[in-house]
PDB file of N, CA and C in Angstrom:
ATOM      1  N   MET A   1      93.172 -88.935  -8.344  1.00  0.00           N
ATOM      2  CA  MET A   1      93.091 -89.922  -9.390  1.00  0.00           C
ATOM      3  C   MET A   1      91.712 -89.825 -10.035  1.00  0.00           C
ATOM      4  N   ASN A   2      91.661 -89.829 -11.338  1.00  0.00           N
ATOM      5  CA  ASN A   2      90.430 -89.746 -12.102  1.00  0.00           C
ATOM      6  C   ASN A   2      90.118 -91.137 -12.653  1.00  0.00           C
ATOM      7  N   HIS A   3      89.320 -91.917 -11.919  1.00  0.00           N
ATOM      8  CA  HIS A   3      88.983 -93.284 -12.314  1.00  0.00           C
ATOM      9  C   HIS A   3      87.502 -93.523 -12.042  1.00  0.00           C
ATOM     10  N   VAL A   4      86.803 -94.067 -13.047  1.00  0.00           N
ATOM     11  CA  VAL A   4      85.377 -94.319 -12.935  1.00  0.00           C
ATOM     12  C   VAL A   4      85.103 -95.772 -13.307  1.00  0.00           C
ATOM     13  N   THR A   5      84.238 -96.427 -12.529  1.00  0.00           N
ATOM     14  CA  THR A   5      83.751 -97.758 -12.863  1.00  0.00           C
ATOM     15  C   THR A   5      82.234 -97.693 -12.874  1.00  0.00           C
ATOM     16  N   LEU A   6      81.641 -98.096 -13.995  1.00  0.00           N
ATOM     17  CA  LEU A   6      80.187 -98.086 -14.144  1.00  0.00           C
ATOM     18  C   LEU A   6      79.693 -99.491 -14.439  1.00  0.00           C
ATOM     19  N   LYS A   7      78.612 -99.879 -13.783  1.00  0.00           N
ATOM     20  CA  LYS A   7      77.942-101.132 -14.099  1.00  0.00           C
ATOM     21  C   LYS A   7      76.484-100.788 -14.346  1.00  0.00           C
ATOM     22  N   GLY A   8      76.012-101.105 -15.542  1.00  0.00           N
ATOM     23  CA  GLY A   8      74.638-100.781 -15.881  1.00  0.00           C
ATOM     24  C   GLY A   8      74.240-101.403 -17.196  1.00  0.00           C
ATOM     25  N   ARG A   9      73.201-100.844 -17.802  1.00  0.00           N
ATOM     26  CA  ARG A   9      72.699-101.326 -19.089  1.00  0.00           C
ATOM     27  C   ARG A   9      72.891-100.245 -20.145  1.00  0.00           C
ATOM     28  N   ILE A  10      73.205-100.683 -21.335  1.00  0.00           N
ATOM     29  CA  ILE A  10      73.340 -99.750 -22.453  1.00  0.00           C
ATOM     30  C   ILE A  10      71.943 -99.259 -22.816  1.00  0.00           C
ATOM     31  N   SER A  11      71.741 -97.950 -22.818  1.00  0.00           N
ATOM     32  CA  SER A  11      70.394 -97.402 -22.999  1.00  0.00           C
ATOM     33  C   SER A  11      70.013 -97.176 -24.461  1.00  0.00           C
ATOM     34  N   ARG A  12      70.961 -97.230 -25.362  1.00  0.00           N
ATOM     35  CA  ARG A  12      70.681 -97.167 -26.805  1.00  0.00           C
ATOM     36  C   ARG A  12      71.839 -97.860 -27.520  1.00  0.00           C
ATOM     37  N   ASP A  13      71.586 -98.341 -28.729  1.00  0.00           N
ATOM     38  CA  ASP A  13      72.662 -99.009 -29.456  1.00  0.00           C
ATOM     39  C   ASP A  13      73.846 -98.067 -29.602  1.00  0.00           C
ATOM     40  N   PRO A  14      75.066 -98.571 -29.382  1.00  0.00           N
ATOM     41  CA  PRO A  14      76.242 -97.718 -29.523  1.00  0.00           C
ATOM     42  C   PRO A  14      76.346 -97.155 -30.942  1.00  0.00           C
ATOM     43  N   GLU A  15      76.722 -95.896 -31.023  1.00  0.00           N
ATOM     44  CA  GLU A  15      76.906 -95.209 -32.302  1.00  0.00           C
ATOM     45  C   GLU A  15      78.403 -95.241 -32.619  1.00  0.00           C
ATOM     46  N   ILE A  16      78.763 -95.914 -33.710  1.00  0.00           N
ATOM     47  CA  ILE A  16      80.165 -96.063 -34.083  1.00  0.00           C
ATOM     48  C   ILE A  16      80.456 -95.151 -35.277  1.00  0.00           C
ATOM     49  N   LYS A  17      81.495 -94.340 -35.140  1.00  0.00           N
ATOM     50  CA  LYS A  17      81.907 -93.422 -36.211  1.00  0.00           C
ATOM     51  C   LYS A  17      83.407 -93.501 -36.386  1.00  0.00           C
ATOM     52  N   THR A  18      83.892 -92.887 -37.455  1.00  0.00           N
ATOM     53  CA  THR A  18      85.327 -92.856 -37.746  1.00  0.00           C
ATOM     54  C   THR A  18      85.747 -91.410 -37.981  1.00  0.00           C
ATOM     55  N   THR A  19      86.859 -91.011 -37.372  1.00  0.00           N
ATOM     56  CA  THR A  19      87.382 -89.657 -37.571  1.00  0.00           C
ATOM     57  C   THR A  19      87.980 -89.551 -38.967  1.00  0.00           C
ATOM     58  N   GLN A  20      88.313 -88.333 -39.382  1.00  0.00           N
ATOM     59  CA  GLN A  20      88.934 -88.119 -40.689  1.00  0.00           C
ATOM     60  C   GLN A  20      90.287 -88.821 -40.785  1.00  0.00           C
ATOM     61  N   SER A  21      90.949 -89.004 -39.646  1.00  0.00           N
ATOM     62  CA  SER A  21      92.248 -89.678 -39.649  1.00  0.00           C
ATOM     63  C   SER A  21      92.113 -91.204 -39.600  1.00  0.00           C
ATOM     64  N   GLY A  22      90.863 -91.718 -39.522  1.00  0.00           N
ATOM     65  CA  GLY A  22      90.643 -93.160 -39.564  1.00  0.00           C
ATOM     66  C   GLY A  22      90.491 -93.842 -38.221  1.00  0.00           C
ATOM     67  N   THR A  23      90.463 -93.094 -37.124  1.00  0.00           N
ATOM     68  CA  THR A  23      90.295 -93.682 -35.796  1.00  0.00           C
ATOM     69  C   THR A  23      88.816 -93.855 -35.500  1.00  0.00           C
ATOM     70  N   GLN A  24      88.434 -95.057 -35.072  1.00  0.00           N
ATOM     71  CA  GLN A  24      87.039 -95.294 -34.714  1.00  0.00           C
ATOM     72  C   GLN A  24      86.761 -94.803 -33.302  1.00  0.00           C
ATOM     73  N   PHE A  25      85.517 -94.318 -33.117  1.00  0.00           N
ATOM     74  CA  PHE A  25      85.075 -93.979 -31.773  1.00  0.00           C
ATOM     75  C   PHE A  25      83.622 -94.388 -31.618  1.00  0.00           C
ATOM     76  N   ALA A  26      83.238 -94.646 -30.374  1.00  0.00           N
ATOM     77  CA  ALA A  26      81.878 -95.070 -30.059  1.00  0.00           C
ATOM     78  C   ALA A  26      81.264 -94.097 -29.074  1.00  0.00           C
ATOM     79  N   ARG A  27      79.993 -93.814 -29.276  1.00  0.00           N
ATOM     80  CA  ARG A  27      79.225 -93.026 -28.318  1.00  0.00           C
ATOM     81  C   ARG A  27      78.090 -93.904 -27.827  1.00  0.00           C
ATOM     82  N   LEU A  28      77.909 -93.923 -26.516  1.00  0.00           N
ATOM     83  CA  LEU A  28      76.846 -94.704 -25.925  1.00  0.00           C
ATOM     84  C   LEU A  28      76.445 -94.083 -24.610  1.00  0.00           C
ATOM     85  N   SER A  29      75.335 -94.541 -24.085  1.00  0.00           N
ATOM     86  CA  SER A  29      74.845 -94.075 -22.806  1.00  0.00           C
ATOM     87  C   SER A  29      74.601 -95.301 -21.942  1.00  0.00           C
ATOM     88  N   ILE A  30      75.051 -95.249 -20.693  1.00  0.00           N
ATOM     89  CA  ILE A  30      74.869 -96.363 -19.772  1.00  0.00           C
ATOM     90  C   ILE A  30      73.909 -95.926 -18.665  1.00  0.00           C
ATOM     91  N   ALA A  31      72.841 -96.702 -18.493  1.00  0.00           N
ATOM     92  CA  ALA A  31      71.871 -96.450 -17.428  1.00  0.00           C
ATOM     93  C   ALA A  31      72.367 -97.152 -16.174  1.00  0.00           C
ATOM     94  N   VAL A  32      72.665 -96.361 -15.141  1.00  0.00           N
ATOM     95  CA  VAL A  32      73.200 -96.888 -13.883  1.00  0.00           C
ATOM     96  C   VAL A  32      72.182 -96.636 -12.783  1.00  0.00           C
ATOM     97  N   ASP A  33      71.752 -97.714 -12.104  1.00  0.00           N
ATOM     98  CA  ASP A  33      70.766 -97.579 -11.029  1.00  0.00           C
ATOM     99  C   ASP A  33      71.337 -96.790  -9.863  1.00  0.00           C
ATOM    100  N   ARG A  34      70.490 -95.943  -9.285  1.00  0.00           N
ATOM    101  CA  ARG A  34      70.841 -95.250  -8.046  1.00  0.00           C
ATOM    102  C   ARG A  34      70.473 -96.143  -6.878  1.00  0.00           C
ATOM    103  N   TYR A  35      71.129 -95.937  -5.764  1.00  0.00           N
ATOM    104  CA  TYR A  35      70.806 -96.669  -4.555  1.00  0.00           C
ATOM    105  C   TYR A  35      69.415 -96.243  -4.089  1.00  0.00           C
ATOM    106  N   ALA A  36      68.588 -97.218  -3.721  1.00  0.00           N
ATOM    107  CA  ALA A  36      67.242 -96.915  -3.208  1.00  0.00           C
ATOM    108  C   ALA A  36      67.028 -97.673  -1.912  1.00  0.00           C
ATOM    109  N   LYS A  37      66.483 -96.986  -0.931  1.00  0.00           N
ATOM    110  CA  LYS A  37      66.150 -97.629   0.342  1.00  0.00           C
ATOM    111  C   LYS A  37      64.942 -98.544   0.137  1.00  0.00           C
ATOM    112  N   ALA A  38      64.737 -99.455   1.076  1.00  0.00           N
ATOM    113  CA  ALA A  38      63.599-100.374   1.006  1.00  0.00           C
ATOM    114  C   ALA A  38      62.304 -99.581   0.867  1.00  0.00           C
ATOM    115  N   GLY A  39      61.478 -99.970  -0.097  1.00  0.00           N
ATOM    116  CA  GLY A  39      60.199 -99.305  -0.302  1.00  0.00           C
ATOM    117  C   GLY A  39      60.253 -98.112  -1.231  1.00  0.00           C
ATOM    118  N   GLU A  40      61.455 -97.621  -1.562  1.00  0.00           N
ATOM    119  CA  GLU A  40      61.580 -96.490  -2.478  1.00  0.00           C
ATOM    120  C   GLU A  40      61.657 -96.994  -3.913  1.00  0.00           C
ATOM    121  N   GLN A  41      61.188 -96.169  -4.825  1.00  0.00           N
ATOM    122  CA  GLN A  41      61.259 -96.517  -6.239  1.00  0.00           C
ATOM    123  C   GLN A  41      62.682 -96.312  -6.739  1.00  0.00           C
ATOM    124  N   ARG A  42      63.143 -97.249  -7.546  1.00  0.00           N
ATOM    125  CA  ARG A  42      64.491 -97.133  -8.103  1.00  0.00           C
ATOM    126  C   ARG A  42      64.512 -96.105  -9.225  1.00  0.00           C
ATOM    127  N   THR A  43      65.588 -95.374  -9.311  1.00  0.00           N
ATOM    128  CA  THR A  43      65.813 -94.441 -10.403  1.00  0.00           C
ATOM    129  C   THR A  43      67.171 -94.738 -11.007  1.00  0.00           C
ATOM    130  N   ALA A  44      67.424 -94.161 -12.155  1.00  0.00           N
ATOM    131  CA  ALA A  44      68.697 -94.402 -12.830  1.00  0.00           C
ATOM    132  C   ALA A  44      69.254 -93.094 -13.366  1.00  0.00           C
ATOM    133  N   ASP A  45      70.575 -93.061 -13.470  1.00  0.00           N
ATOM    134  CA  ASP A  45      71.265 -91.971 -14.152  1.00  0.00           C
ATOM    135  C   ASP A  45      71.707 -92.492 -15.505  1.00  0.00           C
ATOM    136  N   PHE A  46      71.606 -91.665 -16.532  1.00  0.00           N
ATOM    137  CA  PHE A  46      72.025 -92.040 -17.876  1.00  0.00           C
ATOM    138  C   PHE A  46      73.336 -91.323 -18.163  1.00  0.00           C
ATOM    139  N   ILE A  47      74.428 -92.080 -18.136  1.00  0.00           N
ATOM    140  CA  ILE A  47      75.775 -91.524 -18.212  1.00  0.00           C
ATOM    141  C   ILE A  47      76.268 -91.547 -19.655  1.00  0.00           C
ATOM    142  N   PRO A  48      76.577 -90.376 -20.234  1.00  0.00           N
ATOM    143  CA  PRO A  48      77.119 -90.361 -21.595  1.00  0.00           C
ATOM    144  C   PRO A  48      78.570 -90.839 -21.593  1.00  0.00           C
ATOM    145  N   CYS A  49      78.884 -91.724 -22.533  1.00  0.00           N
ATOM    146  CA  CYS A  49      80.219 -92.317 -22.590  1.00  0.00           C
ATOM    147  C   CYS A  49      80.763 -92.278 -24.014  1.00  0.00           C
ATOM    148  N   THR A  50      82.089 -92.275 -24.116  1.00  0.00           N
ATOM    149  CA  THR A  50      82.794 -92.325 -25.385  1.00  0.00           C
ATOM    150  C   THR A  50      83.938 -93.317 -25.250  1.00  0.00           C
ATOM    151  N   ALA A  51      84.202 -94.060 -26.310  1.00  0.00           N
ATOM    152  CA  ALA A  51      85.346 -94.972 -26.347  1.00  0.00           C
ATOM    153  C   ALA A  51      86.067 -94.764 -27.671  1.00  0.00           C
ATOM    154  N   TRP A  52      87.357 -95.045 -27.687  1.00  0.00           N
ATOM    155  CA  TRP A  52      88.186 -94.809 -28.865  1.00  0.00           C
ATOM    156  C   TRP A  52      88.932 -96.078 -29.279  1.00  0.00           C
ATOM    157  N   GLY A  53      89.321 -96.136 -30.542  1.00  0.00           N
ATOM    158  CA  GLY A  53      90.191 -97.189 -31.051  1.00  0.00           C
ATOM    159  C   GLY A  53      89.621 -98.592 -30.910  1.00  0.00           C
ATOM    160  N   LYS A  54      90.469 -99.508 -30.436  1.00  0.00           N
ATOM    161  CA  LYS A  54      90.089-100.918 -30.304  1.00  0.00           C
ATOM    162  C   LYS A  54      88.917-101.113 -29.339  1.00  0.00           C
ATOM    163  N   THR A  55      88.854-100.300 -28.291  1.00  0.00           N
ATOM    164  CA  THR A  55      87.740-100.403 -27.349  1.00  0.00           C
ATOM    165  C   THR A  55      86.434-100.055 -28.051  1.00  0.00           C
ATOM    166  N   ALA A  56      86.445 -99.019 -28.891  1.00  0.00           N
ATOM    167  CA  ALA A  56      85.252 -98.633 -29.652  1.00  0.00           C
ATOM    168  C   ALA A  56      84.849 -99.739 -30.620  1.00  0.00           C
ATOM    169  N   GLU A  57      85.818-100.337 -31.290  1.00  0.00           N
ATOM    170  CA  GLU A  57      85.531-101.434 -32.216  1.00  0.00           C
ATOM    171  C   GLU A  57      84.890-102.607 -31.480  1.00  0.00           C
ATOM    172  N   PHE A  58      85.420-102.944 -30.310  1.00  0.00           N
ATOM    173  CA  PHE A  58      84.907-104.047 -29.502  1.00  0.00           C
ATOM    174  C   PHE A  58      83.469-103.775 -29.079  1.00  0.00           C
ATOM    175  N   ILE A  59      83.212-102.561 -28.606  1.00  0.00           N
ATOM    176  CA  ILE A  59      81.853-102.186 -28.193  1.00  0.00           C
ATOM    177  C   ILE A  59      80.894-102.285 -29.379  1.00  0.00           C
ATOM    178  N   GLY A  60      81.305-101.766 -30.532  1.00  0.00           N
ATOM    179  CA  GLY A  60      80.455-101.807 -31.723  1.00  0.00           C
ATOM    180  C   GLY A  60      80.158-103.216 -32.190  1.00  0.00           C
ATOM    181  N   LYS A  61      81.098-104.116 -31.971  1.00  0.00           N
ATOM    182  CA  LYS A  61      80.947-105.496 -32.440  1.00  0.00           C
ATOM    183  C   LYS A  61      80.106-106.357 -31.496  1.00  0.00           C
ATOM    184  N   TYR A  62      80.196-106.120 -30.187  1.00  0.00           N
ATOM    185  CA  TYR A  62      79.620-107.051 -29.225  1.00  0.00           C
ATOM    186  C   TYR A  62      78.519-106.511 -28.315  1.00  0.00           C
ATOM    187  N   PHE A  63      78.244-105.218 -28.319  1.00  0.00           N
ATOM    188  CA  PHE A  63      77.272-104.666 -27.376  1.00  0.00           C
ATOM    189  C   PHE A  63      76.086-104.028 -28.086  1.00  0.00           C
ATOM    190  N   VAL A  64      74.892-104.197 -27.486  1.00  0.00           N
ATOM    191  CA  VAL A  64      73.652-103.637 -28.029  1.00  0.00           C
ATOM    192  C   VAL A  64      72.826-103.027 -26.901  1.00  0.00           C
ATOM    193  N   LYS A  65      71.806-102.302 -27.276  1.00  0.00           N
ATOM    194  CA  LYS A  65      70.884-101.692 -26.320  1.00  0.00           C
ATOM    195  C   LYS A  65      70.322-102.757 -25.374  1.00  0.00           C
ATOM    196  N   GLY A  66      70.256-102.418 -24.087  1.00  0.00           N
ATOM    197  CA  GLY A  66      69.686-103.306 -23.093  1.00  0.00           C
ATOM    198  C   GLY A  66      70.666-104.260 -22.451  1.00  0.00           C
ATOM    199  N   GLN A  67      71.841-104.404 -23.040  1.00  0.00           N
ATOM    200  CA  GLN A  67      72.832-105.345 -22.518  1.00  0.00           C
ATOM    201  C   GLN A  67      73.561-104.747 -21.321  1.00  0.00           C
ATOM    202  N   GLU A  68      73.844-105.612 -20.333  1.00  0.00           N
ATOM    203  CA  GLU A  68      74.613-105.159 -19.175  1.00  0.00           C
ATOM    204  C   GLU A  68      76.080-105.000 -19.572  1.00  0.00           C
ATOM    205  N   ILE A  69      76.725-104.012 -18.955  1.00  0.00           N
ATOM    206  CA  ILE A  69      78.117-103.717 -19.263  1.00  0.00           C
ATOM    207  C   ILE A  69      78.824-103.245 -17.990  1.00  0.00           C
ATOM    208  N   LEU A  70      80.082-103.570 -17.898  1.00  0.00           N
ATOM    209  CA  LEU A  70      80.959-103.032 -16.859  1.00  0.00           C
ATOM    210  C   LEU A  70      82.013-102.223 -17.596  1.00  0.00           C
ATOM    211  N   ALA A  71      82.075-100.935 -17.326  1.00  0.00           N
ATOM    212  CA  ALA A  71      82.986-100.039 -18.047  1.00  0.00           C
ATOM    213  C   ALA A  71      83.889 -99.310 -17.063  1.00  0.00           C
ATOM    214  N   GLU A  72      85.165 -99.205 -17.425  1.00  0.00           N
ATOM    215  CA  GLU A  72      86.131 -98.442 -16.631  1.00  0.00           C
ATOM    216  C   GLU A  72      86.723 -97.353 -17.505  1.00  0.00           C
ATOM    217  N   GLY A  73      86.969 -96.211 -16.881  1.00  0.00           N
ATOM    218  CA  GLY A  73      87.548 -95.111 -17.631  1.00  0.00           C
ATOM    219  C   GLY A  73      87.779 -93.910 -16.745  1.00  0.00           C
ATOM    220  N   ARG A  74      87.608 -92.730 -17.340  1.00  0.00           N
ATOM    221  CA  ARG A  74      87.851 -91.483 -16.621  1.00  0.00           C
ATOM    222  C   ARG A  74      86.801 -90.455 -17.017  1.00  0.00           C
ATOM    223  N   ILE A  75      86.575 -89.498 -16.139  1.00  0.00           N
ATOM    224  CA  ILE A  75      85.657 -88.398 -16.446  1.00  0.00           C
ATOM    225  C   ILE A  75      86.422 -87.336 -17.226  1.00  0.00           C
ATOM    226  N   GLN A  76      85.786 -86.855 -18.272  1.00  0.00           N
ATOM    227  CA  GLN A  76      86.402 -85.797 -19.072  1.00  0.00           C
ATOM    228  C   GLN A  76      85.368 -84.696 -19.288  1.00  0.00           C
ATOM    229  N   THR A  77      85.761 -83.474 -19.006  1.00  0.00           N
ATOM    230  CA  THR A  77      84.876 -82.326 -19.207  1.00  0.00           C
ATOM    231  C   THR A  77      85.342 -81.548 -20.429  1.00  0.00           C
ATOM    232  N   GLY A  78      84.425 -80.803 -20.990  1.00  0.00           N
ATOM    233  CA  GLY A  78      84.762 -79.990 -22.154  1.00  0.00           C
ATOM    234  C   GLY A  78      83.702 -78.937 -22.360  1.00  0.00           C
ATOM    235  N   SER A  79      83.865 -78.170 -23.413  1.00  0.00           N
ATOM    236  CA  SER A  79      82.870 -77.153 -23.753  1.00  0.00           C
ATOM    237  C   SER A  79      82.951 -76.848 -25.240  1.00  0.00           C
ATOM    238  N   TYR A  80      81.853 -76.321 -25.762  1.00  0.00           N
ATOM    239  CA  TYR A  80      81.805 -75.866 -27.142  1.00  0.00           C
ATOM    240  C   TYR A  80      80.760 -74.769 -27.232  1.00  0.00           C
ATOM    241  N   THR A  81      80.789 -74.027 -28.306  1.00  0.00           N
ATOM    242  CA  THR A  81      79.808 -72.973 -28.538  1.00  0.00           C
ATOM    243  C   THR A  81      78.806 -73.470 -29.572  1.00  0.00           C
ATOM    244  N   ASN A  82      77.517 -73.444 -29.225  1.00  0.00           N
ATOM    245  CA  ASN A  82      76.507 -73.944 -30.154  1.00  0.00           C
ATOM    246  C   ASN A  82      76.195 -72.919 -31.237  1.00  0.00           C
ATOM    247  N   GLN A  83      75.244 -73.251 -32.114  1.00  0.00           N
ATOM    248  CA  GLN A  83      74.902 -72.380 -33.244  1.00  0.00           C
ATOM    249  C   GLN A  83      74.353 -71.031 -32.812  1.00  0.00           C
ATOM    250  N   ASP A  84      73.775 -70.970 -31.613  1.00  0.00           N
ATOM    251  CA  ASP A  84      73.219 -69.714 -31.106  1.00  0.00           C
ATOM    252  C   ASP A  84      74.260 -68.867 -30.382  1.00  0.00           C
ATOM    253  N   GLY A  85      75.516 -69.329 -30.348  1.00  0.00           N
ATOM    254  CA  GLY A  85      76.571 -68.586 -29.672  1.00  0.00           C
ATOM    255  C   GLY A  85      76.651 -68.840 -28.176  1.00  0.00           C
ATOM    256  N   LYS A  86      75.869 -69.787 -27.689  1.00  0.00           N
ATOM    257  CA  LYS A  86      75.864 -70.100 -26.266  1.00  0.00           C
ATOM    258  C   LYS A  86      76.916 -71.168 -25.965  1.00  0.00           C
ATOM    259  N   LYS A  87      77.655 -70.968 -24.875  1.00  0.00           N
ATOM    260  CA  LYS A  87      78.672 -71.939 -24.482  1.00  0.00           C
ATOM    261  C   LYS A  87      78.004 -73.104 -23.765  1.00  0.00           C
ATOM    262  N   ILE A  88      78.279 -74.334 -24.245  1.00  0.00           N
ATOM    263  CA  ILE A  88      77.710 -75.562 -23.686  1.00  0.00           C
ATOM    264  C   ILE A  88      78.837 -76.342 -23.020  1.00  0.00           C
ATOM    265  N   TYR A  89      78.598 -76.773 -21.776  1.00  0.00           N
ATOM    266  CA  TYR A  89      79.585 -77.552 -21.031  1.00  0.00           C
ATOM    267  C   TYR A  89      79.191 -79.025 -21.061  1.00  0.00           C
ATOM    268  N   THR A  90      80.168 -79.897 -21.218  1.00  0.00           N
ATOM    269  CA  THR A  90      79.903 -81.326 -21.311  1.00  0.00           C
ATOM    270  C   THR A  90      80.702 -82.097 -20.263  1.00  0.00           C
ATOM    271  N   THR A  91      80.158 -83.231 -19.867  1.00  0.00           N
ATOM    272  CA  THR A  91      80.847 -84.170 -18.990  1.00  0.00           C
ATOM    273  C   THR A  91      80.572 -85.571 -19.534  1.00  0.00           C
ATOM    274  N   ASP A  92      81.608 -86.304 -19.863  1.00  0.00           N
ATOM    275  CA  ASP A  92      81.497 -87.655 -20.395  1.00  0.00           C
ATOM    276  C   ASP A  92      82.441 -88.575 -19.643  1.00  0.00           C
ATOM    277  N   VAL A  93      82.163 -89.866 -19.731  1.00  0.00           N
ATOM    278  CA  VAL A  93      83.113 -90.872 -19.271  1.00  0.00           C
ATOM    279  C   VAL A  93      83.808 -91.412 -20.509  1.00  0.00           C
ATOM    280  N   VAL A  94      85.118 -91.316 -20.537  1.00  0.00           N
ATOM    281  CA  VAL A  94      85.908 -91.891 -21.621  1.00  0.00           C
ATOM    282  C   VAL A  94      86.278 -93.306 -21.187  1.00  0.00           C
ATOM    283  N   ILE A  95      85.724 -94.288 -21.899  1.00  0.00           N
ATOM    284  CA  ILE A  95      85.897 -95.690 -21.532  1.00  0.00           C
ATOM    285  C   ILE A  95      87.214 -96.221 -22.075  1.00  0.00           C
ATOM    286  N   ASP A  96      87.999 -96.838 -21.177  1.00  0.00           N
ATOM    287  CA  ASP A  96      89.261 -97.466 -21.559  1.00  0.00           C
ATOM    288  C   ASP A  96      89.158 -98.986 -21.602  1.00  0.00           C
ATOM    289  N   ARG A  97      88.197 -99.526 -20.841  1.00  0.00           N
ATOM    290  CA  ARG A  97      88.096-100.984 -20.702  1.00  0.00           C
ATOM    291  C   ARG A  97      86.645-101.363 -20.452  1.00  0.00           C
ATOM    292  N   VAL A  98      86.179-102.453 -21.087  1.00  0.00           N
ATOM    293  CA  VAL A  98      84.821-102.945 -20.866  1.00  0.00           C
ATOM    294  C   VAL A  98      84.831-104.447 -20.613  1.00  0.00           C
ATOM    295  N   GLU A  99      83.803-104.907 -19.916  1.00  0.00           N
ATOM    296  CA  GLU A  99      83.599-106.330 -19.687  1.00  0.00           C
ATOM    297  C   GLU A  99      82.127-106.639 -19.831  1.00  0.00           C
ATOM    298  N   PHE A 100      81.839-107.884 -20.182  1.00  0.00           N
ATOM    299  CA  PHE A 100      80.463-108.352 -20.229  1.00  0.00           C
ATOM    300  C   PHE A 100      79.970-108.561 -18.813  1.00  0.00           C
ATOM    301  N   CYS A 101      78.701-108.285 -18.576  1.00  0.00           N
ATOM    302  CA  CYS A 101      78.028-108.545 -17.299  1.00  0.00           C
ATOM    303  C   CYS A 101      76.715-109.234 -17.626  1.00  0.00           C
ATOM    304  N   GLY A 102      76.238-110.049 -16.723  1.00  0.00           N
ATOM    305  CA  GLY A 102      74.930-110.663 -16.932  1.00  0.00           C
ATOM    306  C   GLY A 102      74.912-111.542 -18.155  1.00  0.00           C
ATOM    307  N   LYS A 103      73.759-111.610 -18.799  1.00  0.00           N
ATOM    308  CA  LYS A 103      73.568-112.460 -19.971  1.00  0.00           C
ATOM    309  C   LYS A 103      73.998-111.724 -21.228  1.00  0.00           C
ATOM    310  N   ALA A 104      74.695-112.436 -22.099  1.00  0.00           N
ATOM    311  CA  ALA A 104      75.122-111.852 -23.367  1.00  0.00           C
ATOM    312  C   ALA A 104      73.944-111.847 -24.335  1.00  0.00           C
ATOM    313  N   VAL A 105      73.961-110.911 -25.268  1.00  0.00           N
ATOM    314  CA  VAL A 105      72.913-110.782 -26.267  1.00  0.00           C
ATOM    315  C   VAL A 105      73.567-110.880 -27.631  1.00  0.00           C
ATOM    316  N   ALA A 106      72.954-111.635 -28.545  1.00  0.00           N
ATOM    317  CA  ALA A 106      73.488-111.763 -29.897  1.00  0.00           C
ATOM    318  C   ALA A 106      73.412-110.414 -30.598  1.00  0.00           C
ATOM    319  N   LYS A 107      74.483-110.007 -31.245  1.00  0.00           N
ATOM    320  CA  LYS A 107      74.561-108.698 -31.891  1.00  0.00           C
ATOM    321  C   LYS A 107      73.507-108.531 -32.980  1.00  0.00           C
ATOM    322  N   ASN A 108      73.214-109.601 -33.724  1.00  0.00           N
ATOM    323  CA  ASN A 108      72.264-109.472 -34.827  1.00  0.00           C
ATOM    324  C   ASN A 108      70.813-109.623 -34.393  1.00  0.00           C
ATOM    325  N   ALA A 109      70.585-109.903 -33.118  1.00  0.00           N
ATOM    326  CA  ALA A 109      69.216-110.029 -32.611  1.00  0.00           C
ATOM    327  C   ALA A 109      68.666-108.645 -32.296  1.00  0.00           C
ATOM    328  N   THR A 110      67.368-108.466 -32.500  1.00  0.00           N
ATOM    329  CA  THR A 110      66.766-107.187 -32.137  1.00  0.00           C
ATOM    330  C   THR A 110      66.615-107.145 -30.631  1.00  0.00           C
ATOM    331  N   THR A 111      66.516-105.965 -30.088  1.00  0.00           N
ATOM    332  CA  THR A 111      66.446-105.833 -28.637  1.00  0.00           C
ATOM    333  C   THR A 111      65.120-106.323 -28.083  1.00  0.00           C
ATOM    334  N   THR A 112      64.100-106.438 -28.913  1.00  0.00           N
ATOM    335  CA  THR A 112      62.812-106.913 -28.417  1.00  0.00           C
ATOM    336  C   THR A 112      62.763-108.433 -28.327  1.00  0.00           C
ATOM    337  N   ASN A 113      63.546-109.128 -29.137  1.00  0.00           N
ATOM    338  CA  ASN A 113      63.551-110.584 -29.072  1.00  0.00           C
ATOM    339  C   ASN A 113      64.993-111.111 -29.056  1.00  0.00           C
ATOM    340  N   ALA A 114      65.826-110.450 -28.298  1.00  0.00           N
ATOM    341  CA  ALA A 114      67.237-110.827 -28.241  1.00  0.00           C
ATOM    342  C   ALA A 114      67.390-112.232 -27.673  1.00  0.00           C
ATOM    343  N   GLU A 115      68.325-112.969 -28.240  1.00  0.00           N
ATOM    344  CA  GLU A 115      68.567-114.320 -27.765  1.00  0.00           C
ATOM    345  C   GLU A 115      69.813-114.343 -26.899  1.00  0.00           C
ATOM    346  N   GLU A 116      69.814-115.221 -25.919  1.00  0.00           N
ATOM    347  CA  GLU A 116      70.956-115.343 -25.042  1.00  0.00           C
ATOM    348  C   GLU A 116      72.057-116.114 -25.763  1.00  0.00           C
ATOM    349  N   VAL A 117      73.288-115.715 -25.517  1.00  0.00           N
ATOM    350  CA  VAL A 117      74.430-116.382 -26.114  1.00  0.00           C
ATOM    351  C   VAL A 117      75.247-116.988 -24.987  1.00  0.00           C
ATOM    352  N   PRO A 118      75.447-118.312 -24.983  1.00  0.00           N
ATOM    353  CA  PRO A 118      76.229-118.924 -23.899  1.00  0.00           C
ATOM    354  C   PRO A 118      77.701-118.598 -24.052  1.00  0.00           C
ATOM    355  N   PHE A 119      78.368-118.305 -22.930  1.00  0.00           N
ATOM    356  CA  PHE A 119      79.814-118.050 -22.937  1.00  0.00           C
ATOM    357  C   PHE A 119      80.491-119.081 -22.092  1.00  0.00           C
TER     358      PHE A 119
END
């Protein structure tokens, strides 16, 4: 079974685009903390993610950089050839479902002075 659950913070504002056929998609990166033993410094992995359709629209409307997110989806691998003719391999999480975690942030607020939104 290919199922992934990520809980972390959005590391940059989601990038929302539309395909030529009119389907919206979102690209974002989620910073997920690694487990650290007592006294060790915490580190994080930055997981590239993509969402499609209504999920992408929802992410674009309600999520911003720094906000906590719970995302479920699947791992998808792929490859392409870059301009230099070199084959590049990719691994992304395709998000099917998201939930709010922690404190909500107003979409129109900047990330440096974001205001909390009560739910």
